[in-house]
Protein backbone atom coordinates (compact mmCIF):
# COMPACT_ATOMS: atom_id res chain seq x y z
CA MET A 1 5.73 33.68 -54.80
CA PHE A 2 1.98 33.49 -54.42
CA PHE A 3 -0.63 30.70 -54.30
CA SER A 4 -4.29 31.10 -53.44
CA ALA A 5 -7.74 29.71 -53.99
CA ASN A 6 -8.73 33.14 -55.36
CA LYS A 7 -9.52 32.53 -58.99
CA VAL A 8 -7.83 34.34 -61.85
CA LEU A 9 -7.33 33.52 -65.50
CA GLY A 10 -3.64 32.94 -66.25
CA LEU A 11 -2.99 34.74 -69.55
CA ASP A 12 0.39 34.26 -71.24
CA ILE A 13 0.57 36.40 -74.39
CA GLY A 14 3.59 34.88 -76.14
CA SER A 15 5.27 35.75 -79.42
CA SER A 16 3.99 32.65 -81.21
CA SER A 17 1.03 31.51 -79.11
CA ILE A 18 -1.38 32.76 -76.47
CA LYS A 19 -2.05 30.42 -73.55
CA VAL A 20 -4.87 30.69 -71.01
CA ALA A 21 -5.19 28.58 -67.87
CA GLU A 22 -7.81 28.29 -65.13
CA LEU A 23 -6.50 26.58 -62.01
CA ASP A 24 -8.21 25.70 -58.74
CA VAL A 25 -5.46 25.95 -56.12
CA SER A 26 -5.25 24.41 -52.65
CA LYS A 27 -2.50 23.62 -50.15
CA SER A 28 -2.26 20.07 -51.47
CA GLY A 29 -1.82 21.07 -55.09
CA ALA A 30 -3.85 22.40 -57.99
CA LYS A 31 -6.43 21.23 -60.51
CA LEU A 32 -6.38 22.37 -64.10
CA VAL A 33 -9.98 23.30 -64.85
CA ASN A 34 -9.42 24.83 -68.29
CA PHE A 35 -6.59 25.36 -70.73
CA GLY A 36 -6.44 26.73 -74.23
CA MET A 37 -3.88 27.81 -76.82
CA ILE A 38 -4.20 29.88 -79.97
CA GLN A 39 -1.65 31.18 -82.44
CA THR A 40 -0.60 34.76 -81.78
CA PRO A 41 -1.69 36.94 -84.73
CA PRO A 42 1.33 37.67 -86.98
CA ASN A 43 3.21 40.88 -86.15
CA SER A 44 0.89 41.69 -83.22
CA ILE A 45 3.60 41.44 -80.56
CA ASN A 46 7.30 41.98 -81.09
CA GLY A 47 9.74 41.06 -78.35
CA GLY A 48 7.14 41.86 -75.71
CA ASP A 49 6.14 45.16 -77.31
CA ILE A 50 2.50 45.21 -78.41
CA ALA A 51 2.03 46.25 -82.03
CA ASP A 52 -1.65 45.38 -82.60
CA VAL A 53 -3.98 45.67 -79.63
CA SER A 54 -7.10 44.78 -81.61
CA SER A 55 -5.77 41.53 -83.12
CA LEU A 56 -4.48 40.30 -79.77
CA ALA A 57 -7.79 41.06 -78.06
CA VAL A 58 -9.73 39.17 -80.74
CA ALA A 59 -7.45 36.15 -80.39
CA ILE A 60 -7.82 36.13 -76.60
CA LYS A 61 -11.62 36.39 -76.86
CA THR A 62 -11.58 33.51 -79.36
CA VAL A 63 -9.58 31.11 -77.21
CA CYS A 64 -11.56 32.02 -74.08
CA ALA A 65 -14.80 31.31 -75.95
CA GLU A 66 -13.45 28.01 -77.29
CA ILE A 67 -12.68 26.65 -73.82
CA LYS A 68 -15.68 28.41 -72.23
CA ALA A 69 -13.51 30.22 -69.72
CA LYS A 70 -15.56 31.50 -66.80
CA ARG A 71 -13.09 33.87 -65.14
CA LYS A 72 -12.94 37.55 -65.99
CA ASN A 73 -10.01 38.67 -63.83
CA ALA A 74 -6.80 38.01 -65.75
CA ALA A 75 -3.26 37.64 -64.46
CA VAL A 76 -1.03 38.74 -67.32
CA GLY A 77 2.74 38.48 -67.80
CA MET A 78 4.90 41.15 -69.44
CA PHE A 79 8.32 40.47 -70.94
CA GLY A 80 10.95 41.95 -73.22
CA THR A 81 13.24 44.96 -73.36
CA ALA A 82 10.60 47.42 -72.11
CA VAL A 83 10.54 45.57 -68.78
CA ILE A 84 13.59 45.94 -66.53
CA VAL A 85 14.27 43.83 -63.44
CA LYS A 86 17.43 44.69 -61.52
CA LYS A 87 18.75 43.78 -58.10
CA ILE A 88 20.44 46.61 -56.20
CA THR A 89 22.08 46.84 -52.80
CA ILE A 90 21.63 49.89 -50.55
CA PRO A 91 22.52 50.71 -46.93
CA ARG A 92 19.88 49.25 -44.61
CA ILE A 93 17.08 51.70 -43.85
CA ASP A 94 13.65 51.53 -42.24
CA LEU A 95 11.27 49.62 -44.50
CA LYS A 96 8.89 52.58 -44.36
CA LEU A 97 11.50 54.70 -46.14
CA VAL A 98 12.31 52.21 -48.90
CA ASN A 99 9.62 53.46 -51.28
CA GLU A 100 11.10 56.96 -51.53
CA GLN A 101 14.65 55.62 -51.74
CA VAL A 102 13.67 53.29 -54.58
CA LYS A 103 12.45 56.23 -56.68
CA TRP A 104 15.86 57.86 -56.37
CA GLU A 105 17.70 54.61 -57.05
CA ALA A 106 15.61 54.02 -60.17
CA GLU A 107 17.00 57.18 -61.72
CA GLN A 108 20.49 55.73 -61.34
CA TYR A 109 19.81 52.18 -62.52
CA ILE A 110 16.83 52.17 -64.88
CA PRO A 111 17.63 53.26 -68.48
CA PHE A 112 14.25 54.97 -68.94
CA ASP A 113 12.94 58.39 -67.97
CA VAL A 114 11.71 57.81 -64.42
CA ASN A 115 8.62 59.90 -65.23
CA SER A 116 7.64 57.52 -68.03
CA ILE A 117 7.75 54.25 -66.10
CA SER A 118 5.64 52.23 -63.70
CA LEU A 119 7.92 51.24 -60.84
CA ALA A 120 7.63 48.48 -58.24
CA HIS A 121 10.09 46.92 -55.84
CA HIS A 122 10.59 43.91 -53.61
CA VAL A 123 12.89 43.75 -50.58
CA ILE A 124 14.80 40.46 -50.62
CA ASN A 125 15.00 38.80 -47.20
CA PRO A 126 13.84 41.94 -45.29
CA LYS A 127 14.50 40.38 -41.86
CA GLU A 128 18.12 39.56 -42.62
CA ALA A 129 20.52 41.18 -40.13
CA SER A 130 23.17 43.08 -42.08
CA GLU A 131 24.27 46.64 -42.80
CA THR A 132 22.89 46.51 -46.35
CA MET A 133 19.67 45.35 -47.99
CA ASP A 134 19.01 43.86 -51.41
CA ILE A 135 16.10 45.24 -53.40
CA LEU A 136 14.64 44.03 -56.67
CA LEU A 137 13.58 46.94 -58.88
CA ILE A 138 10.85 46.22 -61.45
CA ALA A 139 10.18 48.89 -64.06
CA ALA A 140 8.02 48.94 -67.18
CA GLN A 141 7.37 51.76 -69.60
CA ASN A 142 3.95 53.32 -69.00
CA GLU A 143 3.06 53.04 -72.67
CA LEU A 144 3.54 49.27 -72.58
CA VAL A 145 1.53 48.92 -69.36
CA ALA A 146 -1.32 50.91 -70.92
CA GLU A 147 -1.27 48.68 -74.00
CA TYR A 148 -1.55 45.50 -71.91
CA TYR A 149 -4.48 47.00 -70.04
CA GLN A 150 -6.10 47.91 -73.38
CA VAL A 151 -5.67 44.39 -74.75
CA VAL A 152 -7.26 42.87 -71.65
CA GLN A 153 -10.13 45.36 -71.67
CA ASN A 154 -10.81 44.84 -75.39
CA ALA A 155 -10.90 41.09 -74.75
CA ASP A 156 -13.78 41.69 -72.29
CA LEU A 157 -11.58 40.82 -69.31
CA LYS A 158 -10.35 42.75 -66.27
CA MET A 159 -6.71 43.20 -65.31
CA GLY A 160 -6.50 41.33 -62.01
CA VAL A 161 -2.70 41.07 -61.79
CA LEU A 162 -0.04 42.56 -64.07
CA ASP A 163 3.01 40.37 -63.55
CA VAL A 164 6.38 39.73 -65.17
CA SER A 165 6.57 36.48 -67.16
CA ALA A 166 9.87 35.55 -65.53
CA PHE A 167 8.31 35.90 -62.06
CA ALA A 168 5.47 33.61 -63.17
CA LEU A 169 8.13 31.08 -64.16
CA ALA A 170 9.63 31.30 -60.67
CA ASN A 171 6.14 30.98 -59.21
CA VAL A 172 5.34 27.73 -61.03
CA PHE A 173 8.74 26.33 -60.08
CA GLU A 174 8.21 26.99 -56.38
CA PHE A 175 4.71 25.56 -56.47
CA ASN A 176 5.95 22.30 -57.98
CA TYR A 177 9.42 21.97 -56.44
CA GLY A 178 9.34 24.01 -53.24
CA ARG A 179 12.20 26.23 -52.08
CA PRO A 180 15.58 24.48 -52.32
CA GLU A 181 17.39 25.72 -49.22
CA GLY A 182 20.88 27.14 -49.37
CA GLN A 183 21.23 27.03 -53.14
CA ALA A 184 20.60 29.13 -56.23
CA VAL A 185 18.55 27.55 -59.00
CA GLY A 186 18.48 28.74 -62.59
CA LEU A 187 15.26 28.64 -64.63
CA ILE A 188 15.26 28.84 -68.44
CA ASN A 189 12.16 29.22 -70.61
CA VAL A 190 13.11 29.00 -74.31
CA GLY A 191 10.24 30.49 -76.27
CA SER A 192 9.76 31.45 -79.89
CA ALA A 193 11.35 34.91 -79.81
CA ILE A 194 12.31 35.40 -76.15
CA THR A 195 14.22 33.28 -73.66
CA ASN A 196 13.51 34.03 -69.99
CA PHE A 197 16.39 33.40 -67.57
CA VAL A 198 15.67 33.59 -63.86
CA VAL A 199 17.75 32.76 -60.80
CA VAL A 200 15.94 31.88 -57.56
CA ALA A 201 17.71 31.62 -54.21
CA ASN A 202 15.85 30.53 -51.08
CA GLY A 203 12.52 31.29 -52.72
CA GLU A 204 13.52 34.79 -53.86
CA VAL A 205 14.11 35.96 -57.42
CA VAL A 206 17.63 37.43 -57.36
CA PHE A 207 18.27 37.77 -61.10
CA CYS A 208 16.08 38.09 -64.17
CA ARG A 209 16.88 38.66 -67.83
CA ASP A 210 14.92 38.30 -71.08
CA MET A 211 17.06 37.47 -74.11
CA PRO A 212 15.73 38.21 -77.64
CA ILE A 213 16.50 34.71 -78.89
CA GLY A 214 14.48 31.52 -79.28
CA GLY A 215 12.97 29.02 -81.66
CA GLN A 216 12.38 31.64 -84.34
CA ASN A 217 16.16 31.95 -84.76
CA TYR A 218 16.23 28.37 -86.05
CA THR A 219 13.36 29.00 -88.45
CA ASN A 220 14.95 32.18 -89.80
CA ASP A 221 18.35 30.53 -90.29
CA ILE A 222 16.86 27.54 -92.16
CA HIS A 223 14.89 30.02 -94.31
CA LYS A 224 18.05 32.00 -95.17
CA GLU A 225 20.51 29.14 -95.60
CA MET A 226 18.24 26.79 -97.57
CA GLY A 227 16.23 29.34 -99.55
CA VAL A 228 12.86 27.95 -98.43
CA SER A 229 9.82 29.89 -97.22
CA LEU A 230 9.41 30.62 -93.52
CA GLY A 231 6.52 28.17 -93.38
CA GLU A 232 8.64 25.42 -94.92
CA ALA A 233 11.53 26.29 -92.62
CA GLU A 234 9.25 25.96 -89.58
CA SER A 235 8.03 22.56 -90.81
CA LEU A 236 11.60 21.34 -91.34
CA LYS A 237 12.57 22.50 -87.85
CA LEU A 238 9.61 20.75 -86.23
CA SER A 239 10.25 17.56 -88.23
CA ALA A 240 13.87 17.51 -87.05
CA ALA A 241 12.80 18.09 -83.45
CA SER A 242 10.39 15.14 -83.61
CA GLY A 243 12.97 12.81 -85.18
CA GLY A 244 11.52 12.94 -88.68
CA ALA A 245 13.49 12.57 -91.89
CA VAL A 246 14.92 15.91 -93.06
CA PRO A 247 17.85 16.87 -95.32
CA ASP A 248 21.28 16.80 -93.67
CA GLU A 249 21.56 20.55 -94.26
CA VAL A 250 18.75 21.12 -91.76
CA HIS A 251 20.73 19.43 -88.99
CA SER A 252 23.78 21.46 -89.98
CA VAL A 253 21.84 24.74 -89.69
CA LEU A 254 20.27 23.68 -86.39
CA SER A 255 23.69 22.85 -85.00
CA SER A 256 25.16 26.22 -86.04
CA THR A 257 22.21 28.13 -84.58
CA THR A 258 22.43 26.14 -81.36
CA GLU A 259 26.06 27.24 -80.98
CA VAL A 260 25.02 30.90 -81.33
CA LEU A 261 22.08 30.60 -78.89
CA SER A 262 24.18 28.66 -76.37
CA GLU A 263 26.79 31.40 -76.43
CA GLU A 264 24.16 34.10 -75.87
CA ILE A 265 22.63 32.23 -72.94
CA ARG A 266 26.03 31.37 -71.46
CA ASN A 267 26.89 35.08 -71.51
CA SER A 268 23.85 35.73 -69.28
CA PHE A 269 25.05 33.02 -66.89
CA ASP A 270 28.47 34.68 -66.84
CA PHE A 271 26.88 38.08 -66.21
CA PHE A 272 24.99 36.66 -63.24
CA ALA A 273 28.14 35.03 -61.90
CA GLY A 274 29.99 38.33 -62.12
CA SER A 275 27.29 40.29 -60.28
CA SER A 276 26.00 37.76 -57.76
CA GLY A 277 28.48 38.37 -54.96
CA GLY A 278 29.67 34.78 -54.96
CA LEU A 279 26.27 33.11 -55.31
CA ASN A 280 26.66 30.05 -57.56
CA ILE A 281 23.93 28.29 -59.53
CA SER A 282 23.76 24.65 -58.50
CA GLN A 283 21.05 23.38 -60.86
CA VAL A 284 19.13 24.57 -63.91
CA TYR A 285 15.54 23.69 -64.86
CA TYR A 286 14.37 24.26 -68.42
CA THR A 287 11.05 24.56 -70.22
CA GLY A 288 9.57 26.14 -73.36
CA GLY A 289 8.67 24.76 -76.76
CA ALA A 290 12.04 25.62 -78.35
CA ALA A 291 13.92 23.77 -75.60
CA ALA A 292 13.11 20.57 -77.53
CA THR A 293 15.38 21.63 -80.40
CA PRO A 294 17.90 18.79 -80.89
CA GLY A 295 21.16 19.43 -79.06
CA LEU A 296 20.24 22.75 -77.43
CA ILE A 297 19.99 21.61 -73.81
CA ARG A 298 23.02 19.33 -74.16
CA ASN A 299 25.02 22.26 -75.56
CA LEU A 300 23.86 24.58 -72.77
CA SER A 301 24.82 22.05 -70.13
CA GLN A 302 28.28 21.70 -71.63
CA ALA A 303 28.72 25.46 -72.08
CA THR A 304 27.72 26.29 -68.49
CA ARG A 305 29.05 23.10 -66.86
CA LEU A 306 25.74 22.74 -65.05
CA ASN A 307 23.14 20.00 -64.87
CA PHE A 308 19.92 20.81 -66.76
CA GLU A 309 16.66 19.15 -65.71
CA TYR A 310 13.23 19.38 -67.31
CA LEU A 311 10.87 21.69 -65.40
CA ASN A 312 7.53 19.89 -65.15
CA PRO A 313 4.80 22.52 -64.48
CA CYS A 314 2.29 19.69 -63.95
CA GLN A 315 4.14 17.93 -61.14
CA ARG A 316 1.60 19.10 -58.52
CA VAL A 317 -1.19 19.90 -60.98
CA VAL A 318 -3.83 17.31 -61.88
CA SER A 319 -6.77 17.39 -64.23
CA GLY A 320 -9.88 19.04 -62.86
CA ASN A 321 -11.91 18.53 -66.02
CA LYS A 322 -13.01 15.28 -67.69
CA LYS A 323 -11.94 16.73 -71.05
CA ILE A 324 -8.34 17.19 -69.86
CA SER A 325 -6.56 13.85 -70.05
CA THR A 326 -3.17 12.90 -68.65
CA MET A 327 -1.87 12.65 -72.21
CA TYR A 328 -3.10 16.17 -72.98
CA MET A 329 -1.34 17.56 -69.91
CA GLU A 330 1.88 15.89 -71.03
CA GLN A 331 1.46 17.50 -74.46
CA ILE A 332 0.98 21.03 -73.12
CA ALA A 333 3.61 20.78 -70.37
CA PRO A 334 6.46 22.31 -72.45
CA PHE A 335 4.32 25.38 -73.26
CA CYS A 336 2.23 26.07 -70.16
CA ALA A 337 4.71 26.99 -67.41
CA VAL A 338 4.19 30.76 -67.55
CA ALA A 339 0.40 30.47 -67.95
CA PHE A 340 0.28 28.15 -64.92
CA GLY A 341 2.52 30.47 -62.92
CA LEU A 342 0.13 33.33 -63.69
CA GLY A 343 -2.91 31.17 -62.91
CA LEU A 344 -1.47 30.46 -59.45
CA ARG A 345 -1.56 34.15 -58.60
CA LYS A 346 -4.36 35.82 -56.67
CA LEU A 347 -6.22 39.09 -56.90
CA GLY A 348 -4.36 41.86 -55.13
CA ASP A 349 -0.85 40.60 -55.90
CA GLY A 350 1.21 43.57 -57.04
């Protein structure tokens, strides 16, 4: 987890919206200097895979111009099936030898050709005295990495930090809530097309998975079941989420979709439980625009038998701009966690 006064532009390229954040960071907290959102161009990004570099770059340039962003070094988050994060355990070796060992381990654990990936690693609790060591492998397909660089370059920005969206989520959690000692905390970010699930223990990411589910599932199901356009389905979903009057059938579809999504997410919790070596999640924090869907968080809490609490990315972040009101920060809070987590990074972070 990284915080610094070094200034980067947090750039969260999501499936439905692009968020940019400029934060001034200090030991006492952070000030939000600038924030902007713009709709992601249709079909330009699919599950984290970039399909239209040009359209994304234009959108990013547009939102940066609208908020008069001053920073050129961007911290960008990747997500989706082309990004693999996996914890492995190996016999303890000298830290100087880990890099070579990781390359060999990647061939065993990463389902991509090792020659076609960008590979990084992080040793979890390196000073721990035991016969084994836990390592987090992070791999992304080179083609995807190149596309992210191209998007940033075409948007007249520089790639300062290429991160993983789930790590940015962990970063913003630690900044606002600290490091809960002796317990594992689950973090859920329910987006439009992807749900990030992260487990943090003693300040270290120990599990990370991106699920191809989110708010768009609700929109698609309303569209199919009620025979309305996707635009109308989205409007009905948003009306239901805000307590507006909608046909009973909408609530029925939302309830059915919630059951499906809850099962998918619960399966990831079960997978973690089966591979964690006895580490149990004690608390879950949630964020993301789709998390507001009626009944979803209640269902997840019941399915996992865990307490879910709202993750407030603005808990230690205040306005640093007269144009950014307290009400505005409350409005963007469900959508800005990853962008803030990226904006807290510093140049030179791997």
